[in-house]
Amino acid sequence: MAAPSSAAGCEDFAEFQELLRVMRTIDDRIVHELNTTIPTASFVGKVDASQTCKALYQSLMEAHTSRERIIKNCIAQTSSVVKTLREEREKAQDDVALLKQLRKEQTKLKLMQSELNVEEVVNDRSWKVLSHLPKCCGSLPWV
């Protein structure tokens, strides 16, 4: 999957989550991908399983890197907004609307930071599935 622009979806948390959901499809379908990758006994000589595993490995690496980059970029953008709002809040202590906006951005920032933990779990699960397939994927870096 081509990586969306790094600024996409950072302002709206629901859009950010949807983007990650779509980008995590490869991880969600890893077992299916492997079932269609590893040839049955009758196709062993016709399909290069190690080449297919290698391509799947490369796709996973790219997906994980892309998602991590997007999450960290959105965290950085939102952190910057929070910092700016805090500075404005120092100058205008009585501005209720500003306080509300600051709280909203702080909440969004915490939710985005929690996505890094979700990402770690998703990635670990995919690598564990792949690591249990030495006949196909034994020569790849994670094994």
N, C-alpha and C. Protein backbone atom coordinates (compact mmCIF):
# COMPACT_ATOMS: atom_id res chain seq x y z
N MET A 1 0.84 -1.17 0.00
CA MET A 1 0.00 0.00 0.00
C MET A 1 0.88 1.23 0.00
N ALA A 2 0.58 2.17 -0.84
CA ALA A 2 1.35 3.41 -0.88
C ALA A 2 1.05 4.22 0.37
N ALA A 3 2.08 4.80 0.90
CA ALA A 3 1.92 5.59 2.12
C ALA A 3 1.26 6.91 1.80
N PRO A 4 0.23 7.27 2.54
CA PRO A 4 -0.39 8.57 2.36
C PRO A 4 0.58 9.67 2.80
N SER A 5 0.27 10.88 2.41
CA SER A 5 1.15 11.97 2.82
C SER A 5 1.21 12.02 4.33
N SER A 6 2.37 12.39 4.85
CA SER A 6 2.59 12.32 6.28
C SER A 6 1.72 13.30 7.06
N ALA A 7 1.20 14.33 6.42
CA ALA A 7 0.36 15.31 7.12
C ALA A 7 -1.10 14.89 7.12
N ALA A 8 -1.43 13.85 6.35
CA ALA A 8 -2.82 13.44 6.21
C ALA A 8 -3.36 12.91 7.53
N GLY A 9 -4.53 13.42 7.92
CA GLY A 9 -5.25 12.86 9.03
C GLY A 9 -4.79 13.23 10.42
N CYS A 10 -3.88 14.15 10.58
CA CYS A 10 -3.40 14.49 11.93
C CYS A 10 -4.36 15.41 12.67
N GLU A 11 -5.12 16.21 11.97
CA GLU A 11 -6.00 17.16 12.64
C GLU A 11 -7.21 16.47 13.24
N ASP A 12 -7.76 15.49 12.54
CA ASP A 12 -8.97 14.79 12.98
C ASP A 12 -8.56 13.39 13.46
N PHE A 13 -8.76 13.10 14.75
CA PHE A 13 -8.31 11.83 15.29
C PHE A 13 -9.05 10.65 14.65
N ALA A 14 -10.32 10.80 14.35
CA ALA A 14 -11.08 9.71 13.72
C ALA A 14 -10.50 9.39 12.34
N GLU A 15 -10.11 10.41 11.62
CA GLU A 15 -9.48 10.21 10.31
C GLU A 15 -8.11 9.53 10.48
N PHE A 16 -7.37 9.93 11.48
CA PHE A 16 -6.07 9.33 11.81
C PHE A 16 -6.24 7.84 12.10
N GLN A 17 -7.23 7.49 12.93
CA GLN A 17 -7.48 6.09 13.26
C GLN A 17 -7.89 5.29 12.03
N GLU A 18 -8.71 5.87 11.19
CA GLU A 18 -9.16 5.17 9.98
C GLU A 18 -7.98 4.92 9.05
N LEU A 19 -7.10 5.88 8.92
CA LEU A 19 -5.91 5.73 8.10
C LEU A 19 -5.07 4.55 8.62
N LEU A 20 -4.86 4.49 9.93
CA LEU A 20 -4.09 3.39 10.51
C LEU A 20 -4.80 2.05 10.33
N ARG A 21 -6.10 2.05 10.46
CA ARG A 21 -6.87 0.80 10.29
C ARG A 21 -6.65 0.25 8.88
N VAL A 22 -6.74 1.12 7.90
CA VAL A 22 -6.55 0.70 6.51
C VAL A 22 -5.11 0.23 6.30
N MET A 23 -4.16 0.95 6.87
CA MET A 23 -2.75 0.60 6.69
C MET A 23 -2.39 -0.69 7.43
N ARG A 24 -3.16 -1.09 8.43
CA ARG A 24 -2.88 -2.32 9.18
C ARG A 24 -3.51 -3.55 8.54
N THR A 25 -4.13 -3.40 7.39
CA THR A 25 -4.77 -4.53 6.72
C THR A 25 -3.79 -5.66 6.46
N ILE A 26 -2.57 -5.34 6.05
CA ILE A 26 -1.58 -6.39 5.77
C ILE A 26 -1.31 -7.22 7.02
N ASP A 27 -1.26 -6.59 8.17
CA ASP A 27 -1.02 -7.32 9.42
C ASP A 27 -2.26 -8.13 9.81
N ASP A 28 -3.43 -7.57 9.59
CA ASP A 28 -4.67 -8.26 9.94
C ASP A 28 -4.87 -9.51 9.09
N ARG A 29 -4.32 -9.49 7.88
CA ARG A 29 -4.52 -10.60 6.95
C ARG A 29 -3.27 -11.48 6.82
N ILE A 30 -2.35 -11.40 7.77
CA ILE A 30 -1.07 -12.10 7.65
C ILE A 30 -1.25 -13.61 7.53
N VAL A 31 -2.14 -14.21 8.31
CA VAL A 31 -2.35 -15.65 8.23
C VAL A 31 -2.89 -16.02 6.85
N HIS A 32 -3.83 -15.26 6.36
CA HIS A 32 -4.37 -15.52 5.01
C HIS A 32 -3.26 -15.39 3.96
N GLU A 33 -2.46 -14.35 4.09
CA GLU A 33 -1.36 -14.14 3.14
C GLU A 33 -0.41 -15.34 3.15
N LEU A 34 -0.09 -15.83 4.32
CA LEU A 34 0.81 -16.98 4.41
C LEU A 34 0.16 -18.25 3.86
N ASN A 35 -1.12 -18.41 4.13
CA ASN A 35 -1.82 -19.59 3.60
C ASN A 35 -1.83 -19.59 2.08
N THR A 36 -1.88 -18.42 1.48
CA THR A 36 -1.87 -18.35 0.02
C THR A 36 -0.45 -18.29 -0.52
N THR A 37 0.53 -18.06 0.34
CA THR A 37 1.94 -17.96 -0.06
C THR A 37 2.61 -19.32 -0.08
N ILE A 38 2.40 -20.10 0.97
CA ILE A 38 3.07 -21.39 1.09
C ILE A 38 2.36 -22.40 0.21
N PRO A 39 3.08 -22.98 -0.72
CA PRO A 39 2.44 -23.92 -1.65
C PRO A 39 2.10 -25.25 -0.97
N THR A 40 1.03 -25.83 -1.44
CA THR A 40 0.67 -27.17 -0.97
C THR A 40 1.65 -28.16 -1.59
N ALA A 41 1.61 -29.40 -1.16
CA ALA A 41 2.55 -30.42 -1.64
C ALA A 41 2.54 -30.53 -3.16
N SER A 42 1.38 -30.39 -3.78
CA SER A 42 1.29 -30.54 -5.24
C SER A 42 1.89 -29.36 -6.00
N PHE A 43 2.09 -28.22 -5.35
CA PHE A 43 2.63 -27.04 -6.02
C PHE A 43 4.04 -26.68 -5.58
N VAL A 44 4.65 -27.51 -4.74
CA VAL A 44 5.96 -27.18 -4.18
C VAL A 44 6.98 -26.86 -5.26
N GLY A 45 7.01 -27.60 -6.33
CA GLY A 45 8.00 -27.37 -7.39
C GLY A 45 7.65 -26.23 -8.31
N LYS A 46 6.44 -25.72 -8.28
CA LYS A 46 5.99 -24.70 -9.22
C LYS A 46 6.04 -23.28 -8.67
N VAL A 47 6.15 -23.15 -7.35
CA VAL A 47 6.13 -21.83 -6.71
C VAL A 47 7.37 -21.69 -5.85
N ASP A 48 8.03 -20.56 -5.95
CA ASP A 48 9.20 -20.28 -5.11
C ASP A 48 8.71 -19.64 -3.81
N ALA A 49 8.48 -20.48 -2.81
CA ALA A 49 7.91 -20.01 -1.55
C ALA A 49 8.84 -19.03 -0.84
N SER A 50 10.15 -19.28 -0.91
CA SER A 50 11.06 -18.37 -0.20
C SER A 50 11.02 -16.97 -0.82
N GLN A 51 10.88 -16.89 -2.13
CA GLN A 51 10.79 -15.59 -2.81
C GLN A 51 9.49 -14.89 -2.41
N THR A 52 8.41 -15.64 -2.32
CA THR A 52 7.12 -15.07 -1.93
C THR A 52 7.16 -14.62 -0.47
N CYS A 53 7.80 -15.42 0.39
CA CYS A 53 7.95 -15.02 1.80
C CYS A 53 8.78 -13.76 1.91
N LYS A 54 9.81 -13.69 1.11
CA LYS A 54 10.69 -12.52 1.12
C LYS A 54 9.90 -11.27 0.71
N ALA A 55 9.05 -11.40 -0.29
CA ALA A 55 8.23 -10.26 -0.72
C ALA A 55 7.24 -9.86 0.37
N LEU A 56 6.66 -10.83 1.04
CA LEU A 56 5.73 -10.54 2.13
C LEU A 56 6.47 -9.86 3.28
N TYR A 57 7.65 -10.36 3.59
CA TYR A 57 8.48 -9.75 4.63
C TYR A 57 8.77 -8.28 4.29
N GLN A 58 9.16 -8.04 3.05
CA GLN A 58 9.47 -6.67 2.61
C GLN A 58 8.23 -5.77 2.72
N SER A 59 7.08 -6.29 2.32
CA SER A 59 5.84 -5.51 2.42
C SER A 59 5.52 -5.17 3.87
N LEU A 60 5.72 -6.13 4.76
CA LEU A 60 5.47 -5.88 6.18
C LEU A 60 6.43 -4.82 6.72
N MET A 61 7.69 -4.93 6.37
CA MET A 61 8.67 -3.95 6.84
C MET A 61 8.29 -2.54 6.38
N GLU A 62 7.92 -2.42 5.12
CA GLU A 62 7.53 -1.11 4.58
C GLU A 62 6.27 -0.58 5.27
N ALA A 63 5.30 -1.45 5.51
CA ALA A 63 4.05 -1.04 6.17
C ALA A 63 4.33 -0.58 7.59
N HIS A 64 5.15 -1.33 8.31
CA HIS A 64 5.46 -0.97 9.70
C HIS A 64 6.22 0.35 9.76
N THR A 65 7.18 0.52 8.88
CA THR A 65 7.96 1.76 8.85
C THR A 65 7.08 2.95 8.50
N SER A 66 6.23 2.77 7.52
CA SER A 66 5.34 3.85 7.08
C SER A 66 4.37 4.26 8.18
N ARG A 67 3.77 3.28 8.85
CA ARG A 67 2.82 3.60 9.92
C ARG A 67 3.53 4.30 11.08
N GLU A 68 4.69 3.80 11.45
CA GLU A 68 5.42 4.43 12.56
C GLU A 68 5.77 5.87 12.22
N ARG A 69 6.18 6.10 10.98
CA ARG A 69 6.53 7.47 10.55
C ARG A 69 5.31 8.39 10.64
N ILE A 70 4.16 7.90 10.18
CA ILE A 70 2.94 8.71 10.22
C ILE A 70 2.52 8.99 11.66
N ILE A 71 2.56 7.98 12.51
CA ILE A 71 2.17 8.17 13.92
C ILE A 71 3.08 9.19 14.58
N LYS A 72 4.38 9.02 14.42
CA LYS A 72 5.33 9.94 15.05
C LYS A 72 5.22 11.35 14.49
N ASN A 73 4.95 11.47 13.20
CA ASN A 73 4.76 12.80 12.60
C ASN A 73 3.52 13.48 13.18
N CYS A 74 2.44 12.74 13.32
CA CYS A 74 1.21 13.31 13.88
C CYS A 74 1.41 13.68 15.36
N ILE A 75 2.16 12.86 16.08
CA ILE A 75 2.46 13.19 17.48
C ILE A 75 3.25 14.48 17.54
N ALA A 76 4.24 14.63 16.67
CA ALA A 76 5.05 15.85 16.65
C ALA A 76 4.21 17.07 16.30
N GLN A 77 3.34 16.94 15.31
CA GLN A 77 2.47 18.06 14.92
C GLN A 77 1.54 18.45 16.06
N THR A 78 0.92 17.45 16.67
CA THR A 78 -0.03 17.72 17.75
C THR A 78 0.69 18.27 18.97
N SER A 79 1.90 17.79 19.25
CA SER A 79 2.70 18.33 20.37
C SER A 79 2.99 19.80 20.16
N SER A 80 3.27 20.16 18.92
CA SER A 80 3.54 21.55 18.59
C SER A 80 2.31 22.42 18.81
N VAL A 81 1.15 21.90 18.42
CA VAL A 81 -0.10 22.63 18.64
C VAL A 81 -0.36 22.80 20.13
N VAL A 82 -0.15 21.74 20.90
CA VAL A 82 -0.34 21.80 22.36
C VAL A 82 0.59 22.83 22.97
N LYS A 83 1.83 22.83 22.54
CA LYS A 83 2.81 23.80 23.07
C LYS A 83 2.37 25.23 22.78
N THR A 84 1.94 25.48 21.56
CA THR A 84 1.47 26.81 21.18
C THR A 84 0.25 27.22 22.00
N LEU A 85 -0.69 26.29 22.16
CA LEU A 85 -1.89 26.59 22.95
C LEU A 85 -1.55 26.85 24.41
N ARG A 86 -0.58 26.12 24.95
CA ARG A 86 -0.15 26.37 26.34
C ARG A 86 0.42 27.78 26.49
N GLU A 87 1.23 28.17 25.52
CA GLU A 87 1.81 29.51 25.56
C GLU A 87 0.73 30.58 25.48
N GLU A 88 -0.25 30.36 24.61
CA GLU A 88 -1.37 31.30 24.50
C GLU A 88 -2.17 31.32 25.80
N ARG A 89 -2.33 30.16 26.40
CA ARG A 89 -3.10 30.04 27.64
C ARG A 89 -2.42 30.81 28.77
N GLU A 90 -1.10 30.81 28.80
CA GLU A 90 -0.35 31.57 29.82
C GLU A 90 -0.67 33.07 29.72
N LYS A 91 -0.89 33.54 28.50
CA LYS A 91 -1.16 34.96 28.28
C LYS A 91 -2.63 35.31 28.53
N ALA A 92 -3.51 34.33 28.30
CA ALA A 92 -4.95 34.59 28.42
C ALA A 92 -5.58 33.55 29.36
N GLN A 93 -5.35 33.71 30.64
CA GLN A 93 -5.82 32.75 31.64
C GLN A 93 -7.34 32.61 31.69
N ASP A 94 -8.06 33.65 31.32
CA ASP A 94 -9.51 33.64 31.44
C ASP A 94 -10.23 33.14 30.19
N ASP A 95 -9.50 32.80 29.15
CA ASP A 95 -10.11 32.38 27.88
C ASP A 95 -10.55 30.92 27.98
N VAL A 96 -11.85 30.73 28.19
CA VAL A 96 -12.41 29.39 28.36
C VAL A 96 -12.33 28.59 27.06
N ALA A 97 -12.58 29.24 25.94
CA ALA A 97 -12.52 28.56 24.65
C ALA A 97 -11.11 28.03 24.37
N LEU A 98 -10.12 28.82 24.74
CA LEU A 98 -8.73 28.42 24.56
C LEU A 98 -8.40 27.21 25.45
N LEU A 99 -8.88 27.23 26.68
CA LEU A 99 -8.67 26.10 27.58
C LEU A 99 -9.32 24.83 27.02
N LYS A 100 -10.52 24.98 26.50
CA LYS A 100 -11.23 23.84 25.92
C LYS A 100 -10.46 23.27 24.74
N GLN A 101 -9.94 24.14 23.88
CA GLN A 101 -9.15 23.70 22.73
C GLN A 101 -7.86 23.01 23.18
N LEU A 102 -7.22 23.56 24.20
CA LEU A 102 -6.00 22.95 24.73
C LEU A 102 -6.28 21.54 25.26
N ARG A 103 -7.34 21.39 26.03
CA ARG A 103 -7.70 20.07 26.58
C ARG A 103 -8.00 19.08 25.45
N LYS A 104 -8.68 19.55 24.44
CA LYS A 104 -9.01 18.69 23.29
C LYS A 104 -7.72 18.21 22.60
N GLU A 105 -6.79 19.11 22.38
CA GLU A 105 -5.53 18.75 21.72
C GLU A 105 -4.68 17.85 22.61
N GLN A 106 -4.70 18.07 23.91
CA GLN A 106 -3.95 17.21 24.83
C GLN A 106 -4.50 15.78 24.81
N THR A 107 -5.81 15.67 24.78
CA THR A 107 -6.44 14.36 24.71
C THR A 107 -6.07 13.65 23.41
N LYS A 108 -6.14 14.39 22.32
CA LYS A 108 -5.78 13.82 21.02
C LYS A 108 -4.33 13.36 21.02
N LEU A 109 -3.45 14.14 21.62
CA LEU A 109 -2.04 13.78 21.70
C LEU A 109 -1.85 12.47 22.48
N LYS A 110 -2.54 12.33 23.60
CA LYS A 110 -2.43 11.09 24.40
C LYS A 110 -2.93 9.89 23.61
N LEU A 111 -4.02 10.07 22.88
CA LEU A 111 -4.56 8.98 22.06
C LEU A 111 -3.59 8.60 20.95
N MET A 112 -2.97 9.58 20.34
CA MET A 112 -1.98 9.31 19.28
C MET A 112 -0.77 8.59 19.86
N GLN A 113 -0.34 9.00 21.04
CA GLN A 113 0.81 8.34 21.68
C GLN A 113 0.48 6.88 22.01
N SER A 114 -0.77 6.63 22.37
CA SER A 114 -1.16 5.25 22.68
C SER A 114 -1.14 4.38 21.42
N GLU A 115 -1.27 4.99 20.25
CA GLU A 115 -1.21 4.23 19.00
C GLU A 115 0.17 3.62 18.78
N LEU A 116 1.21 4.21 19.37
CA LEU A 116 2.54 3.60 19.28
C LEU A 116 2.55 2.24 19.98
N ASN A 117 1.85 2.14 21.11
CA ASN A 117 1.74 0.86 21.81
C ASN A 117 0.94 -0.15 21.00
N VAL A 118 -0.15 0.31 20.40
CA VAL A 118 -0.96 -0.56 19.55
C VAL A 118 -0.10 -1.05 18.39
N GLU A 119 0.66 -0.17 17.82
CA GLU A 119 1.52 -0.51 16.69
C GLU A 119 2.52 -1.59 17.08
N GLU A 120 3.08 -1.47 18.26
CA GLU A 120 4.05 -2.48 18.73
C GLU A 120 3.39 -3.85 18.85
N VAL A 121 2.19 -3.91 19.38
CA VAL A 121 1.47 -5.17 19.52
C VAL A 121 1.15 -5.77 18.15
N VAL A 122 0.66 -4.95 17.24
CA VAL A 122 0.32 -5.42 15.90
C VAL A 122 1.56 -5.97 15.20
N ASN A 123 2.65 -5.22 15.28
CA ASN A 123 3.89 -5.65 14.62
C ASN A 123 4.41 -6.95 15.22
N ASP A 124 4.44 -7.04 16.54
CA ASP A 124 4.92 -8.25 17.21
C ASP A 124 4.11 -9.47 16.79
N ARG A 125 2.82 -9.30 16.72
CA ARG A 125 1.95 -10.42 16.34
C ARG A 125 2.29 -10.92 14.93
N SER A 126 2.49 -9.99 14.01
CA SER A 126 2.82 -10.38 12.63
C SER A 126 4.16 -11.10 12.56
N TRP A 127 5.17 -10.59 13.28
CA TRP A 127 6.49 -11.22 13.25
C TRP A 127 6.45 -12.60 13.90
N LYS A 128 5.63 -12.76 14.93
CA LYS A 128 5.52 -14.08 15.56
C LYS A 128 4.91 -15.09 14.61
N VAL A 129 3.91 -14.68 13.87
CA VAL A 129 3.29 -15.58 12.89
C VAL A 129 4.33 -15.99 11.85
N LEU A 130 5.08 -15.05 11.34
CA LEU A 130 6.08 -15.36 10.33
C LEU A 130 7.22 -16.22 10.88
N SER A 131 7.59 -16.00 12.12
CA SER A 131 8.72 -16.74 12.69
C SER A 131 8.40 -18.22 12.90
N HIS A 132 7.15 -18.61 12.87
CA HIS A 132 6.77 -20.00 13.03
C HIS A 132 6.75 -20.76 11.71
N LEU A 133 7.30 -20.16 10.68
CA LEU A 133 7.28 -20.81 9.37
C LEU A 133 8.69 -21.01 8.82
N PRO A 134 9.53 -21.76 9.49
CA PRO A 134 10.91 -21.91 9.03
C PRO A 134 11.04 -22.59 7.68
N LYS A 135 10.11 -23.47 7.30
CA LYS A 135 10.26 -24.16 6.01
C LYS A 135 10.13 -23.19 4.85
N CYS A 136 9.41 -22.11 5.07
CA CYS A 136 9.20 -21.14 4.00
C CYS A 136 10.11 -19.93 4.19
N CYS A 137 10.17 -19.49 5.40
CA CYS A 137 10.77 -18.18 5.66
C CYS A 137 12.03 -18.27 6.51
N GLY A 138 12.63 -19.43 6.63
CA GLY A 138 13.75 -19.64 7.53
C GLY A 138 14.98 -18.78 7.25
N SER A 139 15.18 -18.35 6.03
CA SER A 139 16.40 -17.61 5.70
C SER A 139 16.23 -16.11 5.85
N LEU A 140 15.07 -15.67 6.30
CA LEU A 140 14.85 -14.24 6.42
C LEU A 140 15.38 -13.71 7.74
N PRO A 141 15.63 -12.40 7.83
CA PRO A 141 16.34 -11.79 8.96
C PRO A 141 15.74 -11.99 10.34
N TRP A 142 14.46 -12.15 10.48
CA TRP A 142 13.87 -12.21 11.83
C TRP A 142 14.03 -13.59 12.47
N VAL A 143 14.40 -14.60 11.71
CA VAL A 143 14.48 -15.97 12.25
C VAL A 143 15.88 -16.24 12.75
